Every structure is written in structure tokens, then in C-alpha cells.
Amino acid sequence: LTNRFCANHYNLNFSLHRKNMVDSSACACGDPSQPCNFLLPRGRFAPLGKFIKIKHMMAFIEQEANEKAEEIDAKAEEEFNIEKGRLVQQQRLKIMEYYEKKEKQVELQKKIQSSNMLNQARLKALKVREDHVRNVLEEARKRLGEIIHNPAQYREILQLLIIQGLYQLTESNVTLRVRQVDLPLVESLFDNVQQQYKQKTKKDVVLKIDSDNFLPTESCGGVELLASRGRIKISNTLESRLELIAQQLIPEIRSALFGHNSNRKFND
């Protein structure tokens, strides 16, 4: 018996021929250029048509499997890209929120620093103004001390200060405290002061000088009046009167020195 077959597919052709499934001169591999006649022991050739159909079915199944695998790969790639994009966007939002928060903190810190610097500048300006007002008052105090160099004017002022203090006290016994250098001058004023006080109040007053305690020698002058054994005291020194007037006129002094403040609603 002789037999022509495809050497590469001997086993497959042999198996099919033995079962008498196909009858064809072509090889089971489907290549028409490779004729393959396999003589069965019965003495006839088996047909190969059904084998070709099976081969095509196998190729179709394999192709579908490959397409399905590619589809699964594509879907997995798509889901991966979607998830990756979602995670990237989520982290991007977190980073943006973090830096937005940092920017707000920096902006807030800048505002706080700017406000602090502005307040410090205002405080410095206020301090400079207060120092200037204090210097003006100090200059006024120095000029006030020049009054004592005019005896007639100082005598008149001292008498008015004593009478004014008596009106405030309305006591029958009053002790006067003065500078030691003013002692003779004050004693010479007793009669005039008592007479004027009696004319206004219809009351007598006994005056005496505290010879144990005097006003400081650097004082500009004036008098302190004490009653009820020193429990009541009125200071009518020139410095105290200047301070009283300065407190009352401080808005006018500021306006004269620095101009009107548009932010101030009340001037008193």
C-alpha cells in the first residue's frame, strides 16, 4: 500500500482517516497545495470535508476567544484609566484645598501684621502728640513761674486763690500752707481776705499758717487750704490750677497743635 500525506500533519490526518470522517485529497491543514491521500486498511480513502469544518470552527472559537480577551483587556484598561483619573483628580483637589488654605492663612497673617503695624504707627503718633502736648504744658508751667517775679500781679493772684479756697471750704478755721518765701506776703493778706470773705458769706474765718510744712521751693507758688485738722484739703497752687485748666482745654490744645480730628465725634 502506498500513501501521500502532509508530513507536518501526519498524526492529525492519520487519526481522521482511521475514523473515515472525511474524504478529500487535501491535507487536513486546509492547504490545497498539500494533497494528502491516506489509504485506510479497508482499501478506500476517507473524506476530509468534515475535518475542514471542524478546523474552521476551532479557528472561529479561537478568534472569538482572542476578541473576548482583547475586549476584557480594553475594559480593564478603561476601568484602570477611569480609576486612575478619579484618584488623580481627588489628590489634585486635596492639594488645591491645602494650598488654598495655606494662601488664606498667609493672607490672614498679612492682614494681622498690617493691622499690628498700623496700630503701632498710630500708637507712636499718639505718643508723639502726647509728648508734644506735655512739652507745651511744661513750657506753660515755666512761664507760670515767671509770675512771682511780678510782685503786684502775684499778690493779687495769691489773694484770689485764698478767697476762692475759703468759699469752697466754708469752714471757720482754716490753715494755709504756702512757700516759705511767701510767708510774709500771705500774712499781709489776712485782713483783706477775712474782710472780703465776711462781706460775701456773713461769716468770720480764722486763718493761720502751717509753719511746720511748706510748699516745695521749686513750686511756682499758690496756696493749699486745710480744715478739720487736715482731713479736708484744697490745692490752689499755680501748678494745680494749670493742670485743671489743661484737662478742660486739652481738646482745644490738640486742635490748635494738630488740627481738627475728623474721626472724633465729640471733642470733650
Protein backbone atom coordinates (compact mmCIF):
# COMPACT_ATOMS: atom_id res chain seq x y z
CA LEU A 1 0.00 0.00 0.00
CA THR A 2 1.21 3.46 -0.85
CA ASN A 3 0.21 6.69 0.80
CA ARG A 4 0.84 10.52 0.15
CA PHE A 5 0.31 12.87 3.11
CA CYS A 6 1.44 16.14 4.65
CA ALA A 7 4.45 15.38 6.77
CA ASN A 8 3.64 18.23 9.20
CA HIS A 9 0.16 16.92 9.96
CA TYR A 10 0.67 13.20 9.78
CA ASN A 11 -0.76 12.42 13.16
CA LEU A 12 -3.93 14.53 12.64
CA ASN A 13 -4.62 13.15 9.12
CA PHE A 14 -3.93 9.64 10.26
CA SER A 15 -6.37 9.94 13.13
CA LEU A 16 -9.13 11.34 10.91
CA HIS A 17 -8.58 8.83 8.13
CA ARG A 18 -8.77 5.98 10.56
CA LYS A 19 -12.24 7.13 11.61
CA ASN A 20 -13.42 7.61 7.97
CA MET A 21 -14.69 11.10 8.83
CA VAL A 22 -13.61 12.97 5.67
CA ASP A 23 -12.86 12.22 2.01
CA SER A 24 -10.60 14.70 0.29
CA SER A 25 -7.27 14.84 -1.44
CA ALA A 26 -6.38 17.96 0.50
CA CYS A 27 -4.45 17.92 3.69
CA ALA A 28 -6.34 18.35 6.97
CA CYS A 29 -4.48 21.58 7.49
CA GLY A 30 -6.59 23.12 4.71
CA ASP A 31 -3.64 23.83 2.40
CA PRO A 32 -4.70 22.79 -1.18
CA SER A 33 -1.08 22.77 -2.27
CA GLN A 34 -0.50 19.82 0.04
CA PRO A 35 -2.56 16.91 -1.26
CA CYS A 36 -2.84 14.12 1.16
CA ASN A 37 -4.28 10.66 0.28
CA PHE A 38 -4.28 8.25 3.08
CA LEU A 39 -5.26 4.70 2.25
CA LEU A 40 -7.25 3.05 5.00
CA PRO A 41 -6.94 -0.62 5.78
CA ARG A 42 -10.34 -1.20 4.10
CA GLY A 43 -8.81 -0.20 0.83
CA ARG A 44 -10.52 3.21 0.33
CA PHE A 45 -9.77 6.86 1.02
CA ALA A 46 -11.56 8.72 3.87
CA PRO A 47 -13.23 12.17 3.15
CA LEU A 48 -11.65 15.27 4.83
CA GLY A 49 -14.53 17.85 4.39
CA LYS A 50 -15.81 17.49 7.93
CA PHE A 51 -12.33 17.96 9.31
CA ILE A 52 -12.07 21.27 7.48
CA LYS A 53 -15.35 22.43 9.07
CA ILE A 54 -14.07 21.47 12.49
CA LYS A 55 -10.86 23.31 11.76
CA HIS A 56 -12.85 26.39 10.80
CA MET A 57 -14.94 26.09 13.94
CA MET A 58 -11.81 25.86 16.05
CA ALA A 59 -10.37 28.91 14.29
CA PHE A 60 -13.63 30.80 14.86
CA ILE A 61 -13.71 29.84 18.53
CA GLU A 62 -10.10 30.85 18.90
CA GLN A 63 -10.79 34.14 17.14
CA GLU A 64 -13.78 34.82 19.40
CA ALA A 65 -11.69 33.93 22.42
CA ASN A 66 -8.99 36.34 21.29
CA GLU A 67 -11.57 39.05 20.67
CA LYS A 68 -13.12 38.43 24.08
CA ALA A 69 -9.69 38.59 25.70
CA GLU A 70 -8.97 41.83 23.87
CA GLU A 71 -12.36 43.19 24.97
CA ILE A 72 -11.62 42.24 28.57
CA ASP A 73 -8.18 43.84 28.33
CA ALA A 74 -9.68 47.00 26.82
CA LYS A 75 -12.36 47.17 29.50
CA ALA A 76 -9.79 46.61 32.24
CA GLU A 77 -7.58 49.32 30.71
CA GLU A 78 -10.55 51.68 30.54
CA GLU A 79 -11.56 50.97 34.15
CA PHE A 80 -7.94 51.43 35.20
CA ASN A 81 -7.70 54.76 33.44
CA ILE A 82 -11.02 55.89 34.96
CA GLU A 83 -9.93 54.89 38.45
CA LYS A 84 -6.52 56.46 37.92
CA GLY A 85 -8.16 59.68 36.73
CA ARG A 86 -10.51 59.67 39.71
CA LEU A 87 -7.62 59.20 42.16
CA VAL A 88 -5.53 61.85 40.41
CA GLN A 89 -8.44 64.30 40.47
CA GLN A 90 -9.11 63.50 44.12
CA GLN A 91 -5.49 64.12 45.07
CA ARG A 92 -5.41 67.24 42.91
CA LEU A 93 -8.43 68.62 44.75
CA LYS A 94 -6.80 67.82 48.09
CA ILE A 95 -3.62 69.61 47.02
CA MET A 96 -5.63 72.60 45.75
CA GLU A 97 -7.60 72.74 49.01
CA TYR A 98 -4.35 72.50 51.01
CA TYR A 99 -2.72 75.37 49.14
CA GLU A 100 -5.93 77.44 49.16
CA LYS A 101 -5.99 77.01 52.93
CA LYS A 102 -2.32 78.00 53.10
CA GLU A 103 -2.97 81.07 50.93
CA LYS A 104 -5.85 82.11 53.19
CA GLN A 105 -3.63 81.64 56.24
CA VAL A 106 -0.87 83.71 54.63
CA GLU A 107 -3.37 86.41 53.63
CA LEU A 108 -4.82 86.45 57.14
CA GLN A 109 -1.33 86.66 58.62
CA LYS A 110 -0.54 89.56 56.31
CA LYS A 111 -3.70 91.37 57.41
CA ILE A 112 -2.86 90.76 61.07
CA GLN A 113 0.70 92.02 60.58
CA SER A 114 -0.55 95.04 58.63
CA SER A 115 -3.10 95.80 61.35
CA ASN A 116 -0.44 95.44 64.05
CA MET A 117 1.94 97.71 62.19
CA LEU A 118 -0.84 100.25 61.64
CA ASN A 119 -1.76 100.15 65.33
CA GLN A 120 1.88 100.54 66.32
CA ALA A 121 2.20 103.52 63.98
CA ARG A 122 -0.94 105.05 65.47
CA LEU A 123 0.34 104.47 69.00
CA LYS A 124 3.65 106.08 68.10
CA ALA A 125 1.83 109.05 66.56
CA LEU A 126 -0.36 109.37 69.65
CA LYS A 127 2.71 109.18 71.88
CA VAL A 128 4.43 111.89 69.86
CA ARG A 129 1.33 114.07 70.13
CA GLU A 130 1.01 113.48 73.87
CA ASP A 131 4.69 114.27 74.32
CA HIS A 132 4.20 117.46 72.35
CA VAL A 133 1.18 118.43 74.48
CA ARG A 134 3.19 117.64 77.61
CA ASN A 135 6.04 119.81 76.37
CA VAL A 136 3.59 122.65 75.73
CA LEU A 137 2.21 122.31 79.26
CA GLU A 138 5.72 122.18 80.67
CA GLU A 139 6.55 125.34 78.80
CA ALA A 140 3.38 126.92 80.22
CA ARG A 141 4.46 125.86 83.70
CA LYS A 142 7.84 127.52 83.22
CA ARG A 143 6.17 130.71 82.10
CA LEU A 144 3.78 130.42 85.04
CA GLY A 145 6.77 130.54 87.36
CA GLU A 146 7.63 133.96 85.96
CA ILE A 147 4.58 135.45 87.67
CA ILE A 148 6.37 135.51 91.01
CA HIS A 149 8.80 137.98 89.51
CA ASN A 150 5.95 140.48 89.29
CA PRO A 151 5.10 141.13 92.98
CA ALA A 152 1.94 143.19 92.37
CA GLN A 153 0.45 140.63 90.00
CA TYR A 154 1.45 137.69 92.17
CA ARG A 155 -0.04 139.38 95.30
CA GLU A 156 -3.39 139.82 93.54
CA ILE A 157 -3.41 136.22 92.26
CA LEU A 158 -2.48 134.79 95.68
CA GLN A 159 -5.29 136.73 97.39
CA LEU A 160 -7.84 135.48 94.84
CA LEU A 161 -6.64 131.88 95.29
CA ILE A 162 -7.04 132.08 99.10
CA ILE A 163 -10.54 133.61 98.89
CA GLN A 164 -11.66 131.05 96.35
CA GLY A 165 -10.47 128.20 98.58
CA LEU A 166 -12.34 129.67 101.55
CA TYR A 167 -15.55 129.79 99.53
CA GLN A 168 -15.11 126.11 98.74
CA LEU A 169 -14.38 125.07 102.32
CA THR A 170 -16.89 127.33 104.19
CA GLU A 171 -15.04 126.47 107.42
CA SER A 172 -14.48 128.80 110.39
CA ASN A 173 -10.86 127.72 110.98
CA VAL A 174 -8.55 127.28 108.02
CA THR A 175 -4.83 126.57 107.86
CA LEU A 176 -2.80 127.84 104.91
CA ARG A 177 0.24 126.09 103.51
CA VAL A 178 2.47 128.24 101.32
CA ARG A 179 6.04 128.52 100.19
CA GLN A 180 8.36 129.69 102.91
CA VAL A 181 9.42 132.67 100.81
CA ASP A 182 5.75 133.70 100.50
CA LEU A 183 5.15 133.67 104.28
CA PRO A 184 5.39 137.48 104.82
CA LEU A 185 3.25 138.16 101.76
CA VAL A 186 0.48 135.79 102.87
CA GLU A 187 0.42 137.19 106.41
CA SER A 188 -0.02 140.68 104.97
CA LEU A 189 -3.13 139.46 103.10
CA PHE A 190 -5.01 138.11 106.14
CA ASP A 191 -7.00 141.29 106.91
CA ASN A 192 -8.13 141.87 103.34
CA VAL A 193 -9.05 138.21 102.85
CA GLN A 194 -11.07 137.97 106.09
CA GLN A 195 -12.96 141.17 105.36
CA GLN A 196 -13.82 140.15 101.82
CA TYR A 197 -14.89 136.68 102.95
CA LYS A 198 -17.17 138.15 105.66
CA GLN A 199 -18.76 140.54 103.19
CA LYS A 200 -19.68 137.68 100.86
CA THR A 201 -20.64 134.99 103.39
CA LYS A 202 -21.57 136.96 106.50
CA LYS A 203 -19.25 134.63 108.44
CA ASP A 204 -15.97 135.08 110.22
CA VAL A 205 -12.95 132.91 109.44
CA VAL A 206 -9.79 132.38 111.46
CA LEU A 207 -6.64 131.96 109.33
CA LYS A 208 -3.29 130.59 110.34
CA ILE A 209 -0.19 129.39 108.52
CA ASP A 210 1.27 125.90 108.75
CA SER A 211 4.75 126.86 109.88
CA ASP A 212 5.89 123.24 110.05
CA ASN A 213 5.15 122.27 106.49
CA PHE A 214 5.73 124.47 103.47
CA LEU A 215 5.21 124.01 99.75
CA PRO A 216 8.34 122.92 97.84
CA THR A 217 10.70 125.72 96.95
CA GLU A 218 10.56 124.69 93.26
CA SER A 219 6.80 125.25 93.30
CA CYS A 220 5.51 128.12 91.15
CA GLY A 221 3.53 129.46 94.08
CA GLY A 222 -0.04 129.48 95.30
CA VAL A 223 -1.62 128.05 98.42
CA GLU A 224 -3.08 124.89 99.94
CA LEU A 225 -6.02 125.24 102.36
CA LEU A 226 -6.65 122.66 105.10
CA ALA A 227 -9.55 122.29 107.52
CA SER A 228 -10.83 119.80 110.12
CA ARG A 229 -7.29 119.03 111.28
CA GLY A 230 -6.07 118.35 107.77
CA ARG A 231 -8.84 115.92 106.77
CA ILE A 232 -10.13 118.41 104.19
CA LYS A 233 -7.67 119.83 101.71
CA ILE A 234 -7.98 122.12 98.71
CA SER A 235 -4.97 122.67 96.48
CA ASN A 236 -4.93 126.09 94.90
CA THR A 237 -1.32 126.14 93.81
CA LEU A 238 -0.49 127.55 90.39
CA GLU A 239 0.51 124.08 89.15
CA SER A 240 -2.77 122.51 90.25
CA ARG A 241 -4.76 125.28 88.57
CA LEU A 242 -2.74 124.87 85.40
CA GLU A 243 -3.38 121.12 85.43
CA LEU A 244 -7.10 121.68 85.95
CA ILE A 245 -7.29 124.14 83.09
CA ALA A 246 -5.20 121.86 80.85
CA GLN A 247 -7.59 118.93 81.42
CA GLN A 248 -10.53 121.13 80.48
CA LEU A 249 -8.82 122.65 77.45
CA ILE A 250 -6.94 119.58 76.19
CA PRO A 251 -9.25 119.16 73.10
CA GLU A 252 -8.70 122.79 72.14
CA ILE A 253 -4.96 122.40 72.71
CA ARG A 254 -4.85 119.33 70.44
CA SER A 255 -6.88 121.11 67.75
CA ALA A 256 -4.59 124.11 67.94
CA LEU A 257 -1.49 121.93 67.65
CA PHE A 258 -2.59 119.20 65.21
CA GLY A 259 -5.81 120.45 63.62
CA HIS A 260 -9.34 119.08 63.87
CA ASN A 261 -9.71 115.29 64.01
CA SER A 262 -12.46 114.21 61.59
CA ASN A 263 -12.72 110.80 63.27
CA ARG A 264 -13.57 112.30 66.66
CA LYS A 265 -17.33 112.60 67.18
CA PHE A 266 -17.11 114.53 70.45
CA ASN A 267 -14.42 117.00 71.44
CA ASP A 268 -14.91 116.77 75.20
